[in-house]
Amino acid sequence: MDLQKLIGYDRHMVEWTNQHRIKSLDIYFIAITDTAYVTAILITVAVWCVALYRTKRTLKIKAGQMSMALISNTIVVTLLKYLINRQRPFVNDPHIIKLTSGGSPSFPSGHTADAFVIAMSFSYLFHEKIGLNILIWLWVFTVAYSRVVLGVHYVSDVFASAIIGSIVAIIVNIFFRNKYHNNMDAL
């Protein structure tokens, strides 16, 4: 399959998803998409608050790991956005209705990458918190879907962002495990 066919499928998927959405859920998906950055930061801040309250070194290390993952992810996504400079779907296709903000280049999706990096980091660090992990992952997949249904990202933007956020979380996790090898069980 050639690249032009893949690009065509990608464009068709976002157009179809956007045009066949349940319009009464627009406000819900707009609210969810607007939570991406704030929630990623709030989860990290919540871990910091618990760490400072309990004064546990291991929790501070975990909070530091989540902060480093989020910051690293932001740098990687921002660099890729402006290096690749892909136009948003609503710019390329007049049938796609833009229902939320999206002004910087399309690839990759910062909202999706932030959600994935935080969810992956949280899952690594707090795998025993099953209920919280389930809630976070439901939020993550809803954020990812919202970016497509609201017409501001291609499916490939979202898919690549999931991979980018996950890889950043894995690399930061490996770095912290190597740096704090004496506290491996705590991480």
Protein backbone atom coordinates (compact mmCIF):
# COMPACT_ATOMS: atom_id res chain seq x y z
CA MET A 1 0.00 0.00 0.00
CA ASP A 2 1.44 3.37 -0.90
CA LEU A 3 1.66 6.46 1.31
CA GLN A 4 -1.01 8.41 -0.58
CA LYS A 5 -3.57 5.65 0.03
CA LEU A 6 -2.74 5.63 3.75
CA ILE A 7 -3.09 9.41 3.90
CA GLY A 8 -6.43 9.10 2.12
CA TYR A 9 -7.67 6.48 4.62
CA ASP A 10 -6.49 8.64 7.50
CA ARG A 11 -8.37 11.65 6.13
CA HIS A 12 -11.47 9.57 5.43
CA MET A 13 -11.49 8.13 9.00
CA VAL A 14 -11.42 11.54 10.67
CA GLU A 15 -14.03 12.90 8.25
CA TRP A 16 -16.34 9.92 8.84
CA THR A 17 -15.87 10.06 12.64
CA ASN A 18 -16.47 13.80 12.71
CA GLN A 19 -19.53 13.71 10.42
CA HIS A 20 -21.17 10.69 12.09
CA ARG A 21 -20.67 11.74 15.69
CA ILE A 22 -23.52 11.89 18.18
CA LYS A 23 -23.91 15.66 18.25
CA SER A 24 -25.52 15.69 21.69
CA LEU A 25 -22.16 14.42 23.04
CA ASP A 26 -20.16 17.31 21.54
CA ILE A 27 -20.12 19.24 24.80
CA TYR A 28 -18.93 16.12 26.66
CA PHE A 29 -16.04 15.53 24.25
CA ILE A 30 -15.10 19.21 24.29
CA ALA A 31 -14.99 19.09 28.10
CA ILE A 32 -12.89 15.90 28.06
CA THR A 33 -10.44 17.25 25.49
CA ASP A 34 -10.08 20.44 27.53
CA THR A 35 -9.06 18.38 30.57
CA ALA A 36 -6.01 16.79 28.95
CA TYR A 37 -3.27 19.22 29.95
CA VAL A 38 -4.82 20.20 33.27
CA THR A 39 -5.47 16.61 34.34
CA ALA A 40 -1.95 15.48 33.38
CA ILE A 41 -0.54 18.28 35.52
CA LEU A 42 -3.04 17.71 38.36
CA ILE A 43 -2.18 14.00 38.59
CA THR A 44 1.50 14.92 38.85
CA VAL A 45 0.81 17.65 41.41
CA ALA A 46 -1.37 15.25 43.43
CA VAL A 47 1.52 12.78 43.63
CA TRP A 48 3.81 15.64 44.72
CA CYS A 49 1.32 16.72 47.41
CA VAL A 50 1.02 13.19 48.81
CA ALA A 51 4.82 12.82 48.71
CA LEU A 52 5.37 16.08 50.57
CA TYR A 53 2.61 15.35 53.08
CA ARG A 54 3.93 11.87 53.84
CA THR A 55 7.57 13.03 53.55
CA LYS A 56 8.51 9.77 51.88
CA ARG A 57 11.62 9.85 49.70
CA THR A 58 10.28 7.14 47.41
CA LEU A 59 7.10 9.11 46.71
CA LYS A 60 9.19 12.19 45.95
CA ILE A 61 11.21 10.13 43.48
CA LYS A 62 7.97 8.92 41.86
CA ALA A 63 6.67 12.49 41.66
CA GLY A 64 9.98 13.55 40.13
CA GLN A 65 9.70 10.74 37.59
CA MET A 66 6.20 11.79 36.58
CA SER A 67 7.32 15.43 36.29
CA MET A 68 10.32 14.49 34.17
CA ALA A 69 8.14 12.31 31.92
CA LEU A 70 5.61 15.09 31.38
CA ILE A 71 8.29 17.73 30.68
CA SER A 72 10.24 15.40 28.36
CA ASN A 73 7.06 14.52 26.51
CA THR A 74 6.19 18.20 26.02
CA ILE A 75 9.63 18.88 24.55
CA VAL A 76 9.50 15.88 22.19
CA VAL A 77 5.94 16.64 21.00
CA THR A 78 6.64 20.34 20.47
CA LEU A 79 9.80 19.60 18.46
CA LEU A 80 8.00 17.04 16.31
CA LYS A 81 5.01 19.33 15.72
CA TYR A 82 7.16 22.06 14.22
CA LEU A 83 9.61 19.76 12.42
CA ILE A 84 6.82 17.83 10.68
CA ASN A 85 4.42 20.80 10.42
CA ARG A 86 1.36 18.76 9.38
CA GLN A 87 -1.82 20.74 8.75
CA ARG A 88 -4.92 20.02 10.81
CA PRO A 89 -7.66 17.89 9.21
CA PHE A 90 -10.19 20.74 9.17
CA VAL A 91 -7.71 22.79 7.10
CA ASN A 92 -7.39 20.07 4.45
CA ASP A 93 -11.01 18.95 4.32
CA PRO A 94 -13.95 21.40 4.26
CA HIS A 95 -16.31 18.58 5.36
CA ILE A 96 -14.59 18.32 8.75
CA ILE A 97 -16.09 20.58 11.38
CA LYS A 98 -13.61 21.97 13.91
CA LEU A 99 -15.38 21.78 17.28
CA THR A 100 -12.55 22.74 19.65
CA SER A 101 -9.19 24.44 19.76
CA GLY A 102 -6.36 23.25 17.60
CA GLY A 103 -4.05 25.82 16.13
CA SER A 104 -0.51 24.45 16.20
CA PRO A 105 0.55 21.78 13.70
CA SER A 106 -1.42 18.54 13.87
CA PHE A 107 1.23 15.84 14.25
CA PRO A 108 1.54 14.61 16.96
CA SER A 109 -1.37 15.31 19.29
CA GLY A 110 -0.08 16.98 22.44
CA HIS A 111 -3.31 16.25 24.31
CA THR A 112 -3.06 12.53 23.56
CA ALA A 113 0.68 12.28 24.21
CA ASP A 114 0.31 14.04 27.58
CA ALA A 115 -2.52 11.73 28.60
CA PHE A 116 -0.54 8.63 27.60
CA VAL A 117 2.72 9.69 29.26
CA ILE A 118 0.94 10.34 32.56
CA ALA A 119 -1.12 7.14 32.39
CA MET A 120 1.92 5.01 31.56
CA SER A 121 3.98 6.66 34.29
CA PHE A 122 1.20 6.29 36.85
CA SER A 123 0.69 2.64 35.88
CA TYR A 124 4.41 1.89 36.30
CA LEU A 125 4.66 3.66 39.63
CA PHE A 126 1.31 2.83 41.18
CA HIS A 127 0.34 -0.48 39.55
CA GLU A 128 -1.35 -1.60 42.78
CA LYS A 129 -3.89 1.26 42.50
CA ILE A 130 -6.11 -0.68 40.11
CA GLY A 131 -9.21 1.52 40.45
CA LEU A 132 -7.29 4.73 39.81
CA ASN A 133 -5.47 3.15 36.88
CA ILE A 134 -8.75 2.08 35.29
CA LEU A 135 -10.18 5.61 35.67
CA ILE A 136 -7.02 7.19 34.24
CA TRP A 137 -6.95 4.82 31.26
CA LEU A 138 -10.65 5.43 30.51
CA TRP A 139 -9.89 9.16 30.55
CA VAL A 140 -6.85 8.63 28.26
CA PHE A 141 -8.77 6.75 25.57
CA THR A 142 -11.62 9.27 25.74
CA VAL A 143 -9.15 12.16 25.28
CA ALA A 144 -7.60 10.37 22.28
CA TYR A 145 -10.98 9.72 20.68
CA SER A 146 -12.15 13.27 21.38
CA ARG A 147 -9.30 14.73 19.33
CA VAL A 148 -10.54 12.86 16.24
CA VAL A 149 -14.28 13.24 16.75
CA LEU A 150 -13.85 17.00 17.31
CA GLY A 151 -12.07 17.27 13.95
CA VAL A 152 -8.68 18.55 15.14
CA HIS A 153 -6.50 15.45 14.63
CA TYR A 154 -6.06 12.58 12.24
CA VAL A 155 -6.22 9.04 13.61
CA SER A 156 -2.51 8.68 12.78
CA ASP A 157 -1.74 11.78 14.90
CA VAL A 158 -3.47 10.21 17.87
CA PHE A 159 -1.98 6.74 17.31
CA ALA A 160 1.55 8.13 16.98
CA SER A 161 1.02 10.29 20.07
CA ALA A 162 0.03 7.23 22.09
CA ILE A 163 3.29 5.60 21.01
CA ILE A 164 5.35 8.73 21.70
CA GLY A 165 3.87 9.28 25.17
CA SER A 166 4.34 5.60 26.01
CA ILE A 167 7.94 5.53 24.81
CA VAL A 168 8.81 8.68 26.76
CA ALA A 169 7.28 7.13 29.90
CA ILE A 170 9.25 3.91 29.35
CA ILE A 171 12.55 5.75 28.81
CA VAL A 172 12.06 7.95 31.88
CA ASN A 173 11.07 4.86 33.90
CA ILE A 174 14.27 3.08 32.83
CA PHE A 175 16.34 6.17 33.67
CA PHE A 176 14.83 6.42 37.16
CA ARG A 177 15.16 2.70 37.81
CA ASN A 178 18.83 2.85 36.86
CA LYS A 179 19.48 6.05 38.84
CA TYR A 180 17.73 4.86 41.98
CA HIS A 181 18.61 1.15 41.73
CA ASN A 182 18.91 0.88 45.53
CA ASN A 183 15.21 1.69 45.79
CA MET A 184 14.06 -0.59 42.96
CA ASP A 185 11.22 -2.06 45.03
CA ALA A 186 9.96 1.43 45.86
CA LEU A 187 9.73 2.35 42.20
